[in-house]
Structure formats: structure tokens, C-alpha cells
Amino acid sequence: MADLTLDELTALIREKVGSTPGLTANAKIVFDEGGLIHLAGASSPIVVSHDDGPADVTLRMSLATLNKLYRKETNAMTSVMMGKIKIEGNMMLAMQLEKILS
């Protein structure tokens, strides 16, 4: 399966947040290749965009890593331990994002 683009991954995350209750803070995923996905969980409904904004947690990773999470070729905990995902900010919120990213 070919890797999904940033826009395709954003659309998938937008779908998932609609069916994943509990995200009540802002989060950001920043990609090594450039670009980002911002989840404004403090708003209702949750807004998912490429606009930069404040975040309670920031995840830094490559697009390839996010693709592997979606294909279930890896999991978030393993990726963090291997240094493929770097977390800045609220660790508990980062754990909530695992449902959305996999």
C-alpha cells in the first residue's frame, strides 16, 4: 500500500475525531518533512486543519511514521521508545491521541 499524503492523513484524522470522544485540548502533529496537522480539541466540533496554533501537546514525527501507525505496522508506544515520535507537552493527552493515530 502506498503512503498517504498529508492531505489524505488529515482527512482520516478528521473522520476519526468525529467518532472519538474525549479530546478536549489542542494538539499538533509536526512532520519532519514540513507541514503539520492541528487538532483544536478545545472547540466543538473539533477542528482539524493545517493551520498552526497553540497546542497542549506537540508530536514530532515523519509522514512515514504516521503512515505506519495507520497501517498498524507499528504502534505509538514503540515509535516513542525508538525515537520515531517525540512528545512535547502533556503526556496524558499524547496517550489519548493514540486512538486517533492508529
Protein backbone atom coordinates (compact mmCIF):
# COMPACT_ATOMS: atom_id res chain seq x y z
CA MET A 1 0.00 0.00 0.00
CA ALA A 2 1.36 3.41 -0.97
CA ASP A 3 1.93 6.03 1.69
CA LEU A 4 -0.87 8.53 2.19
CA THR A 5 -0.21 12.23 1.65
CA LEU A 6 -0.52 14.89 4.33
CA ASP A 7 -3.96 15.87 2.98
CA GLU A 8 -5.16 12.26 2.96
CA LEU A 9 -3.92 11.69 6.51
CA THR A 10 -5.60 14.91 7.62
CA ALA A 11 -8.91 13.71 6.15
CA LEU A 12 -8.57 10.38 8.00
CA ILE A 13 -7.86 12.15 11.29
CA ARG A 14 -10.83 14.47 10.69
CA GLU A 15 -13.06 11.37 10.32
CA LYS A 16 -11.63 9.72 13.44
CA VAL A 17 -12.02 12.71 15.75
CA GLY A 18 -15.68 12.83 14.90
CA SER A 19 -16.11 9.34 16.36
CA THR A 20 -13.53 9.57 19.18
CA PRO A 21 -14.92 11.21 22.31
CA GLY A 22 -12.74 12.73 24.97
CA LEU A 23 -10.33 15.06 23.15
CA THR A 24 -10.79 18.36 24.99
CA ALA A 25 -7.42 20.04 24.43
CA ASN A 26 -5.39 21.27 21.48
CA ALA A 27 -2.80 19.03 19.85
CA LYS A 28 -0.38 19.40 16.98
CA ILE A 29 1.47 16.88 14.82
CA VAL A 30 4.54 18.41 13.18
CA PHE A 31 6.19 16.48 10.36
CA ASP A 32 9.92 16.24 9.71
CA GLU A 33 9.29 16.86 6.01
CA GLY A 34 7.38 20.07 6.75
CA GLY A 35 3.70 20.65 7.35
CA LEU A 36 1.52 19.97 10.34
CA ILE A 37 -1.89 18.84 11.48
CA HIS A 38 -3.53 20.90 14.24
CA LEU A 39 -6.40 19.47 16.27
CA ALA A 40 -8.40 22.15 18.07
CA GLY A 41 -10.00 19.86 20.63
CA ALA A 42 -10.98 22.77 22.84
CA SER A 43 -13.60 23.72 20.23
CA SER A 44 -16.81 21.87 19.46
CA PRO A 45 -16.82 20.29 16.99
CA ILE A 46 -13.11 19.55 16.91
CA VAL A 47 -11.40 21.43 14.10
CA VAL A 48 -8.63 19.61 12.21
CA SER A 49 -6.52 21.81 9.93
CA HIS A 50 -3.05 22.63 8.63
CA ASP A 51 -3.12 25.99 10.43
CA ASP A 52 -0.53 26.41 13.14
CA GLY A 53 -1.87 27.25 16.56
CA PRO A 54 -1.28 26.76 20.26
CA ALA A 55 -1.14 23.17 21.48
CA ASP A 56 -1.15 21.42 24.84
CA VAL A 57 0.88 18.63 23.26
CA THR A 58 3.03 18.50 20.14
CA LEU A 59 4.04 15.26 18.44
CA ARG A 60 7.00 15.36 16.05
CA MET A 61 7.39 12.54 13.52
CA SER A 62 7.80 11.75 9.85
CA LEU A 63 4.91 11.18 7.47
CA ALA A 64 6.24 7.64 7.06
CA THR A 65 5.81 7.01 10.80
CA LEU A 66 2.20 8.23 10.76
CA ASN A 67 1.52 6.02 7.74
CA LYS A 68 2.95 3.02 9.63
CA LEU A 69 0.68 3.81 12.59
CA TYR A 70 -2.37 3.88 10.33
CA ARG A 71 -1.39 0.60 8.64
CA LYS A 72 -0.78 -0.89 12.12
CA GLU A 73 2.81 -1.78 11.16
CA THR A 74 3.92 -0.15 14.42
CA ASN A 75 2.29 1.31 17.50
CA ALA A 76 2.72 4.68 19.16
CA MET A 77 4.49 3.41 22.28
CA THR A 78 7.11 1.53 20.24
CA SER A 79 7.61 4.55 17.99
CA VAL A 80 8.17 6.81 21.01
CA MET A 81 10.63 4.35 22.56
CA MET A 82 12.55 4.12 19.26
CA GLY A 83 12.68 7.91 18.94
CA LYS A 84 10.43 7.97 15.86
CA ILE A 85 7.88 10.13 17.73
CA LYS A 86 8.94 12.94 20.02
CA ILE A 87 6.43 14.34 22.51
CA GLU A 88 6.46 17.89 23.86
CA GLY A 89 3.90 18.88 26.48
CA ASN A 90 1.04 16.97 28.08
CA MET A 91 1.95 13.26 28.08
CA MET A 92 -1.59 12.18 29.11
CA LEU A 93 -3.04 13.99 26.10
CA ALA A 94 -0.46 12.29 23.88
CA MET A 95 -1.75 8.93 25.10
CA GLN A 96 -5.32 9.95 24.19
CA LEU A 97 -4.16 10.74 20.66
CA GLU A 98 -3.08 7.12 20.13
CA LYS A 99 -6.74 6.21 19.42
CA ILE A 100 -6.85 8.81 16.68
CA LEU A 101 -3.45 7.99 15.15
CA SER A 102 -3.86 4.24 14.82
